[in-house]
Each structure stands twice: as C-alpha cells, then as structure tokens.
Amino acid sequence: MIAETFTPTEIELLARITGTLAGSPAAAELSKPYRELADRARTAMLAEAAGIPAPPVAALLGPRPGEQVWVLHRTDRHEQVTTVYDLESTALADLADHVRGSWDNVCCHEGMPERPPADNAEAVELYYGPDRNARPDESYSLFAAEIVRSRRSRFVPLDFAFPDAAAAEAANRGAVFHTADDDGPQCIEVLGVLTFAYVDARDGVVRISVHVDNADERAVRPDGTVPLTVVVEDTVLRDDSDVLAPHPTVMEELLAGADTEQQAVIYAAAISSGLMWRCPKCQWPNPRAAACCEGPGACRSAPSESGTALALEGPR
C-alpha cells in the first residue's frame, strides 16, 4: 500500500491538503471516490475548527511485541548446549534432570546430600552454586529473550466488520499466486495474508507458513489481529474466530502439569461438559471440534452418543 511509505504525521498532512483543495475547480476533475474522500477531509477539518471533531473510525497500532522465550545455555568439559523453552519452569526442570543424572560428581563433597533434592531450583543451586559456576568446567545461564522480527505499525478500523459473502467471494477470486524466487518459496496471497506451502528438505517436512503482517485492513480486527482458522484434513489446529478453539489453552496447561490420575479426572470433566468426546472404538478423548477420532490408531471413527459418555480413564 502507498500509505506504508508515509509516516502517520505525513498522512495527516496529506488529508489536510486534500480537504483544503476539495472546494477548488481541480477537485471537479477527480473521480467520484476521490471527490467523496476530499469532501470527508474538508468536513472533518471544518468540524475540528468548530471544536466538534468527528469520531475516529481508525486507530494506529504500533508493532506488536515479539514472543518471549527462555534460553538455557549449559557448558561442561564435554559439550556446550543451548536450548530454547517457552516457560522458565520447563527450562529449570530440564536442567534439574541433567543435574540429578550427574549427582555422583558432587554427592561425596562435604555438605552435599547423598541424593539430589526433589525441588528443581534447590537441586540446580546445590550443584552449580549460587553463582552458577561453582563446578570446575561446568556452568549455566538461563535468561529470557524476545524473538524479534521486522514489524510495522498499521491503521485498523474501529468499526471492524469481517467481509460479507460478496466481498469474501471477490477477495477469493482476486487471490494471487506468487511463484518461488531467490527471495523465498511460492505462496498464495488473499487480502494481504500470505500462505506458504513448500517442501523443507532440511527438516524433512512439508511446511505450511502463514504471514499476516501485511493483511488488508478489511481482515484486521481493532486489536491488530487477523481471525484465522487452520484445518489439516478434518482436524482444527487453530480457531481464532468467535467459535471456541478445539484445544483451550487452559486445558492444555492443566494436562501438561497433571499426572496420570489427574489427567483422567480432567478428561472426564471435559467430556462430561461437552468440551471433548470419547471415540466409541478406541476410547481416545477428542476435542469438540474434531469431526473424527484424532487418536494414534487408524480408526478415525466419528463422534456418537456412546463416544461422548463419561469415562474416567485417560488416552490409551
């Protein structure tokens, strides 16, 4: 968009210039949409001069912050390992597992217990010391970092309404396919959203990547996000619409921190409340949005009344 080459202050000045010229003979030569835009700018300027500024219809959002991760760098005489985690507690637990596996290095020292403590932080501090480098040739660092990539500010409509059926059909028919070149792989563009699908030889996968930084304002909500639903086969992997996501974040966090017995209770509650359904053949608990079983087997059976019955066991 041309607007991306101007700062917000420059766009404000251009609107005022347009409003100033709206009443001139030159404005008559403009197309109807441009004349209407000039008249709107002039009306807004007159209202502002009278002390009754018009209500805003758009807002400028700054770049959204990057994602925070936790970086663990561990060094010993044999190796240097750097690993990235989404949570500090996960990184600390992984480091504590390494410490417990190496406890023979310190258990004979004065003041050290024969067995490592059950608490992760305590075990790590005893092994490495409060300065993280008490062991010869061994140390670690754990710190938060932000995944940074180039981002831009954008204007978003405050009266957002997703394109209706006719506008969506026009957008779909206007989709553009960009062939692969030296700058990147092939992708399809619709409403400024780029979807890449390509063979990634390095990781040995077919990679699907969606980029929304340049999404058209018609698809951008007032908070700067773009509603997305991602489906693979019949499985909904992400649902950012007004429909509940198939895997609520709270559910994932509960299951991640639960033992086997606690997981069974969580699954039972989710199935009883209708958030999940149990496969009538293999008894695998599936998210409500799944059209067929997502279990590790090959049954792929659809939900049924018997599949939603309450059961206390976890996934098999």
Protein backbone atom coordinates (compact mmCIF):
# COMPACT_ATOMS: atom_id res chain seq x y z
CA MET A 1 0.00 0.00 0.00
CA ILE A 2 1.14 3.54 -0.73
CA ALA A 3 0.25 4.56 2.83
CA GLU A 4 3.02 2.30 4.13
CA THR A 5 5.61 4.68 2.61
CA PHE A 6 4.38 7.62 4.75
CA THR A 7 4.52 8.30 8.46
CA PRO A 8 1.28 8.95 10.39
CA THR A 9 2.16 12.66 10.55
CA GLU A 10 2.59 12.81 6.78
CA ILE A 11 -0.72 11.04 6.24
CA GLU A 12 -2.38 13.64 8.48
CA LEU A 13 -0.86 16.43 6.35
CA LEU A 14 -1.97 14.77 3.11
CA ALA A 15 -5.55 14.55 4.45
CA ARG A 16 -5.48 18.26 5.32
CA ILE A 17 -4.13 19.15 1.87
CA THR A 18 -6.90 17.11 0.30
CA GLY A 19 -9.53 18.83 2.41
CA THR A 20 -8.14 22.26 1.52
CA LEU A 21 -8.35 21.50 -2.22
CA ALA A 22 -11.81 19.96 -2.01
CA GLY A 23 -13.54 23.20 -2.92
CA SER A 24 -11.22 24.15 -5.77
CA PRO A 25 -12.02 23.70 -9.51
CA ALA A 26 -9.35 20.99 -9.68
CA ALA A 27 -11.46 18.75 -7.43
CA ALA A 28 -14.12 18.50 -10.13
CA GLU A 29 -11.70 16.53 -12.28
CA LEU A 30 -11.28 13.83 -9.65
CA SER A 31 -13.12 10.53 -9.81
CA LYS A 32 -16.19 10.16 -7.62
CA PRO A 33 -14.46 8.12 -4.83
CA TYR A 34 -11.63 10.69 -4.66
CA ARG A 35 -14.08 13.61 -4.55
CA GLU A 36 -16.00 11.92 -1.74
CA LEU A 37 -12.76 11.37 0.17
CA ALA A 38 -11.77 15.02 -0.28
CA ASP A 39 -15.20 16.16 0.94
CA ARG A 40 -14.84 13.96 4.03
CA ALA A 41 -11.45 15.51 4.78
CA ARG A 42 -12.89 19.01 4.39
CA THR A 43 -15.88 18.19 6.64
CA ALA A 44 -13.54 16.81 9.31
CA MET A 45 -11.35 19.94 9.15
CA LEU A 46 -14.36 22.28 9.49
CA ALA A 47 -15.72 20.25 12.42
CA GLU A 48 -12.32 20.37 14.13
CA ALA A 49 -12.14 24.15 13.65
CA ALA A 50 -15.58 24.46 15.24
CA GLY A 51 -14.45 22.44 18.25
CA ILE A 52 -16.54 19.37 17.44
CA PRO A 53 -14.08 16.86 15.93
CA ALA A 54 -15.62 13.87 14.22
CA PRO A 55 -15.36 10.50 16.00
CA PRO A 56 -12.39 8.41 14.81
CA VAL A 57 -13.02 5.44 12.52
CA ALA A 58 -9.47 4.08 12.61
CA ALA A 59 -6.59 3.79 15.06
CA LEU A 60 -2.83 3.45 14.63
CA LEU A 61 -1.41 0.37 16.29
CA GLY A 62 2.31 0.11 16.91
CA PRO A 63 4.26 -3.07 16.23
CA ARG A 64 3.12 -5.97 18.38
CA PRO A 65 5.74 -7.24 20.85
CA GLY A 66 7.73 -10.31 19.95
CA GLU A 67 7.28 -13.68 21.60
CA GLN A 68 9.26 -14.27 24.79
CA VAL A 69 11.24 -17.48 25.19
CA TRP A 70 13.70 -18.76 27.78
CA VAL A 71 17.21 -19.65 26.65
CA LEU A 72 19.25 -22.20 28.60
CA HIS A 73 22.98 -22.38 27.87
CA ARG A 74 24.81 -25.19 29.66
CA THR A 75 28.55 -25.84 29.50
CA ASP A 76 30.74 -28.70 30.76
CA ARG A 77 34.06 -30.19 29.75
CA HIS A 78 32.44 -32.31 27.05
CA GLU A 79 29.82 -30.08 25.43
CA GLN A 80 28.08 -26.73 25.16
CA VAL A 81 24.31 -26.96 24.79
CA THR A 82 21.85 -24.16 24.08
CA THR A 83 18.11 -24.92 24.24
CA VAL A 84 15.04 -22.69 23.92
CA TYR A 85 11.91 -23.14 26.07
CA ASP A 86 8.55 -21.42 26.22
CA LEU A 87 8.49 -21.38 30.05
CA GLU A 88 11.20 -20.75 32.65
CA SER A 89 9.89 -23.61 34.78
CA THR A 90 10.28 -26.06 31.88
CA ALA A 91 13.87 -24.96 31.31
CA LEU A 92 14.67 -25.29 35.02
CA ALA A 93 13.08 -28.76 35.17
CA ASP A 94 15.18 -29.91 32.20
CA LEU A 95 18.34 -28.55 33.82
CA ALA A 96 17.43 -30.23 37.12
CA ASP A 97 17.07 -33.57 35.30
CA HIS A 98 20.60 -33.13 33.96
CA VAL A 99 21.87 -32.26 37.46
CA ARG A 100 20.26 -35.35 39.02
CA GLY A 101 21.85 -37.53 36.34
CA SER A 102 25.27 -36.06 37.24
CA TRP A 103 24.82 -36.05 41.02
CA ASP A 104 27.67 -38.55 41.50
CA ASN A 105 30.02 -35.65 40.71
CA VAL A 106 29.07 -33.83 43.93
CA CYS A 107 27.46 -36.28 46.37
CA CYS A 108 30.82 -37.06 48.05
CA HIS A 109 31.63 -33.41 48.74
CA GLU A 110 31.29 -32.02 52.25
CA GLY A 111 27.84 -30.60 52.99
CA MET A 112 26.22 -32.19 49.94
CA PRO A 113 23.32 -34.62 50.39
CA GLU A 114 23.69 -38.15 49.10
CA ARG A 115 20.67 -37.72 46.84
CA PRO A 116 19.58 -34.61 44.90
CA PRO A 117 16.66 -32.60 46.34
CA ALA A 118 13.22 -33.06 44.81
CA ASP A 119 12.86 -29.30 44.28
CA ASN A 120 14.28 -28.34 40.88
CA ALA A 121 15.63 -24.92 41.87
CA GLU A 122 17.27 -26.28 45.02
CA ALA A 123 18.92 -29.15 43.13
CA VAL A 124 20.32 -26.81 40.49
CA GLU A 125 21.66 -24.29 43.03
CA LEU A 126 23.33 -27.01 45.13
CA TYR A 127 25.03 -28.45 42.05
CA TYR A 128 26.20 -25.23 40.37
CA GLY A 129 26.32 -22.93 43.40
CA PRO A 130 24.55 -19.58 43.78
CA ASP A 131 26.81 -18.02 41.11
CA ARG A 132 26.01 -20.80 38.60
CA ASN A 133 29.68 -21.72 38.08
CA ALA A 134 30.87 -23.44 41.26
CA ARG A 135 31.66 -26.70 39.46
CA PRO A 136 35.02 -26.94 37.62
CA ASP A 137 34.44 -26.59 33.87
CA GLU A 138 30.67 -26.52 34.41
CA SER A 139 28.26 -23.58 34.37
CA TYR A 140 24.92 -22.49 33.02
CA SER A 141 22.96 -19.37 32.16
CA LEU A 142 19.20 -19.05 31.93
CA PHE A 143 17.63 -15.86 30.63
CA ALA A 144 14.53 -14.51 28.88
CA ALA A 145 14.83 -13.39 25.27
CA GLU A 146 12.44 -11.96 22.72
CA ILE A 147 12.01 -13.37 19.22
CA VAL A 148 12.33 -10.23 17.15
CA ARG A 149 11.43 -9.79 13.51
CA SER A 150 10.68 -6.76 11.41
CA ARG A 151 7.23 -5.42 12.16
CA ARG A 152 5.30 -2.36 11.11
CA SER A 153 2.65 -0.07 12.50
CA ARG A 154 -0.76 -0.24 10.87
CA PHE A 155 -4.09 1.54 10.84
CA VAL A 156 -7.04 -0.60 11.90
CA PRO A 157 -10.77 0.14 11.55
CA LEU A 158 -12.52 0.72 14.88
CA ASP A 159 -15.85 -0.31 13.34
CA PHE A 160 -14.46 -3.63 12.13
CA ALA A 161 -16.79 -5.95 10.27
CA PHE A 162 -15.44 -9.02 8.51
CA PRO A 163 -16.13 -9.04 4.73
CA ASP A 164 -19.59 -10.30 3.85
CA ALA A 165 -20.22 -13.17 1.43
CA ALA A 166 -19.97 -10.99 -1.70
CA ALA A 167 -16.77 -9.26 -0.55
CA ALA A 168 -15.26 -12.60 0.51
CA GLU A 169 -16.06 -14.10 -2.89
CA ALA A 170 -14.40 -11.14 -4.62
CA ALA A 171 -11.34 -11.45 -2.38
CA ASN A 172 -11.07 -15.18 -3.08
CA ARG A 173 -11.36 -14.63 -6.83
CA GLY A 174 -8.70 -11.93 -6.57
CA ALA A 175 -6.19 -14.20 -4.81
CA VAL A 176 -2.70 -14.01 -6.31
CA PHE A 177 -0.16 -16.83 -6.63
CA HIS A 178 3.48 -15.77 -6.24
CA THR A 179 5.99 -18.17 -7.75
CA ALA A 180 9.17 -19.15 -5.91
CA ASP A 181 12.22 -16.97 -6.50
CA ASP A 182 15.54 -16.12 -4.85
CA ASP A 183 13.73 -14.22 -2.07
CA GLY A 184 11.56 -17.11 -0.92
CA PRO A 185 9.25 -20.03 -1.75
CA GLN A 186 5.93 -19.87 -3.54
CA CYS A 187 2.85 -18.57 -1.77
CA ILE A 188 -0.76 -17.53 -2.31
CA GLU A 189 -1.97 -14.09 -1.24
CA VAL A 190 -5.54 -13.22 -0.30
CA LEU A 191 -6.44 -9.96 1.47
CA GLY A 192 -2.74 -9.42 2.01
CA VAL A 193 -2.37 -12.67 4.01
CA LEU A 194 0.46 -14.81 2.62
CA THR A 195 0.28 -18.61 2.90
CA PHE A 196 3.44 -20.50 2.00
CA ALA A 197 3.42 -24.24 1.28
CA TYR A 198 6.74 -25.82 0.38
CA VAL A 199 9.00 -28.82 0.84
CA ASP A 200 11.55 -28.20 3.60
CA ALA A 201 14.45 -30.56 2.85
CA ARG A 202 16.41 -29.50 5.94
CA ASP A 203 13.72 -30.64 8.42
CA GLY A 204 12.23 -33.27 6.11
CA VAL A 205 8.69 -31.87 6.18
CA VAL A 206 6.12 -30.14 4.03
CA ARG A 207 5.94 -26.76 5.75
CA ILE A 208 2.88 -24.51 5.88
CA SER A 209 3.58 -20.93 6.99
CA VAL A 210 1.08 -18.07 7.32
CA HIS A 211 2.15 -14.41 7.48
CA VAL A 212 -0.36 -11.69 8.40
CA ASP A 213 1.88 -8.62 8.82
CA ASN A 214 0.64 -7.12 5.54
CA ALA A 215 -3.01 -8.15 5.88
CA ASP A 216 -5.56 -5.82 4.30
CA GLU A 217 -7.36 -3.64 6.88
CA ARG A 218 -10.63 -5.40 5.95
CA ALA A 219 -9.28 -8.51 7.69
CA VAL A 220 -7.67 -6.79 10.70
CA ARG A 221 -9.59 -6.54 13.96
CA PRO A 222 -9.28 -3.43 16.18
CA ASP A 223 -6.71 -5.21 18.37
CA GLY A 224 -4.47 -5.70 15.32
CA THR A 225 -5.05 -9.45 14.98
CA VAL A 226 -6.36 -11.36 11.98
CA PRO A 227 -9.00 -14.06 12.61
CA LEU A 228 -7.56 -17.37 11.45
CA THR A 229 -8.81 -20.94 11.36
CA VAL A 230 -6.25 -23.60 10.42
CA VAL A 231 -7.50 -27.05 9.39
CA VAL A 232 -5.43 -30.10 8.43
CA GLU A 233 -7.56 -32.86 6.90
CA ASP A 234 -10.59 -32.67 9.24
CA THR A 235 -8.67 -31.57 12.32
CA VAL A 236 -8.95 -27.96 13.50
CA LEU A 237 -5.49 -26.95 14.71
CA ARG A 238 -6.34 -23.31 15.40
CA ASP A 239 -9.64 -21.49 15.62
CA ASP A 240 -9.30 -17.76 16.16
CA SER A 241 -12.87 -16.96 15.17
CA ASP A 242 -15.77 -16.44 17.56
CA VAL A 243 -16.04 -20.22 17.91
CA LEU A 244 -14.28 -21.82 20.86
CA ALA A 245 -10.87 -23.20 20.00
CA PRO A 246 -10.74 -27.01 19.95
CA HIS A 247 -7.87 -27.10 22.44
CA PRO A 248 -8.41 -24.35 25.04
CA THR A 249 -5.13 -23.02 26.42
CA VAL A 250 -6.27 -23.66 29.98
CA MET A 251 -6.98 -27.30 29.09
CA GLU A 252 -3.51 -27.73 27.61
CA GLU A 253 -1.86 -26.19 30.65
CA LEU A 254 -3.84 -28.38 33.05
CA LEU A 255 -2.97 -31.56 31.16
CA ALA A 256 0.70 -30.58 30.84
CA GLY A 257 1.06 -30.21 34.61
CA ALA A 258 -1.05 -33.22 35.64
CA ASP A 259 -0.05 -36.76 36.49
CA THR A 260 -1.88 -39.79 35.07
CA GLU A 261 -4.66 -39.83 37.69
CA GLN A 262 -5.20 -36.07 37.43
CA GLN A 263 -5.33 -36.30 33.63
CA ALA A 264 -8.08 -38.91 33.89
CA VAL A 265 -10.16 -36.55 36.03
CA ILE A 266 -9.55 -33.63 33.64
CA TYR A 267 -10.56 -35.70 30.61
CA ALA A 268 -13.66 -36.94 32.42
CA ALA A 269 -14.72 -33.38 33.31
CA ALA A 270 -14.08 -32.14 29.75
CA ILE A 271 -16.13 -34.98 28.25
CA SER A 272 -18.93 -34.53 30.78
CA SER A 273 -19.15 -30.80 30.00
CA GLY A 274 -19.11 -31.33 26.24
CA LEU A 275 -15.66 -29.82 25.58
CA MET A 276 -14.44 -33.22 24.40
CA TRP A 277 -15.89 -36.52 23.16
CA ARG A 278 -14.52 -40.05 23.51
CA CYS A 279 -14.06 -42.25 20.45
CA PRO A 280 -16.60 -45.11 20.54
CA LYS A 281 -13.98 -47.54 19.17
CA CYS A 282 -10.61 -46.73 20.73
CA GLN A 283 -11.84 -44.50 23.61
CA TRP A 284 -9.41 -41.69 22.70
CA PRO A 285 -10.57 -38.29 24.08
CA ASN A 286 -11.00 -35.80 21.24
CA PRO A 287 -11.65 -32.02 21.18
CA ARG A 288 -15.25 -30.99 20.50
CA ALA A 289 -14.37 -29.58 17.04
CA ALA A 290 -12.83 -32.85 15.79
CA ALA A 291 -15.01 -34.42 13.10
CA CYS A 292 -13.34 -37.80 13.56
CA CYS A 293 -11.06 -39.52 16.05
CA GLU A 294 -7.60 -37.97 16.34
CA GLY A 295 -6.11 -40.87 18.29
CA PRO A 296 -2.84 -42.58 17.33
CA GLY A 297 -4.69 -45.51 15.79
CA ALA A 298 -6.33 -45.73 12.38
CA CYS A 299 -9.99 -46.00 13.42
CA ARG A 300 -10.91 -42.37 12.51
CA SER A 301 -14.44 -43.00 13.75
CA ALA A 302 -16.90 -40.12 14.08
CA PRO A 303 -18.39 -38.99 17.42
CA SER A 304 -21.55 -40.69 18.61
CA GLU A 305 -23.68 -40.76 21.72
CA SER A 306 -21.63 -43.65 23.06
CA GLY A 307 -18.44 -41.72 22.25
CA THR A 308 -19.43 -38.84 24.50
CA ALA A 309 -20.24 -40.97 27.52
CA LEU A 310 -18.37 -40.17 30.72
CA ALA A 311 -15.28 -42.30 31.31
CA LEU A 312 -12.55 -41.92 33.86
CA GLU A 313 -9.56 -43.37 32.04
CA GLY A 314 -7.16 -41.16 30.07
CA PRO A 315 -5.98 -41.72 26.49
CA ARG A 316 -4.75 -45.19 25.76
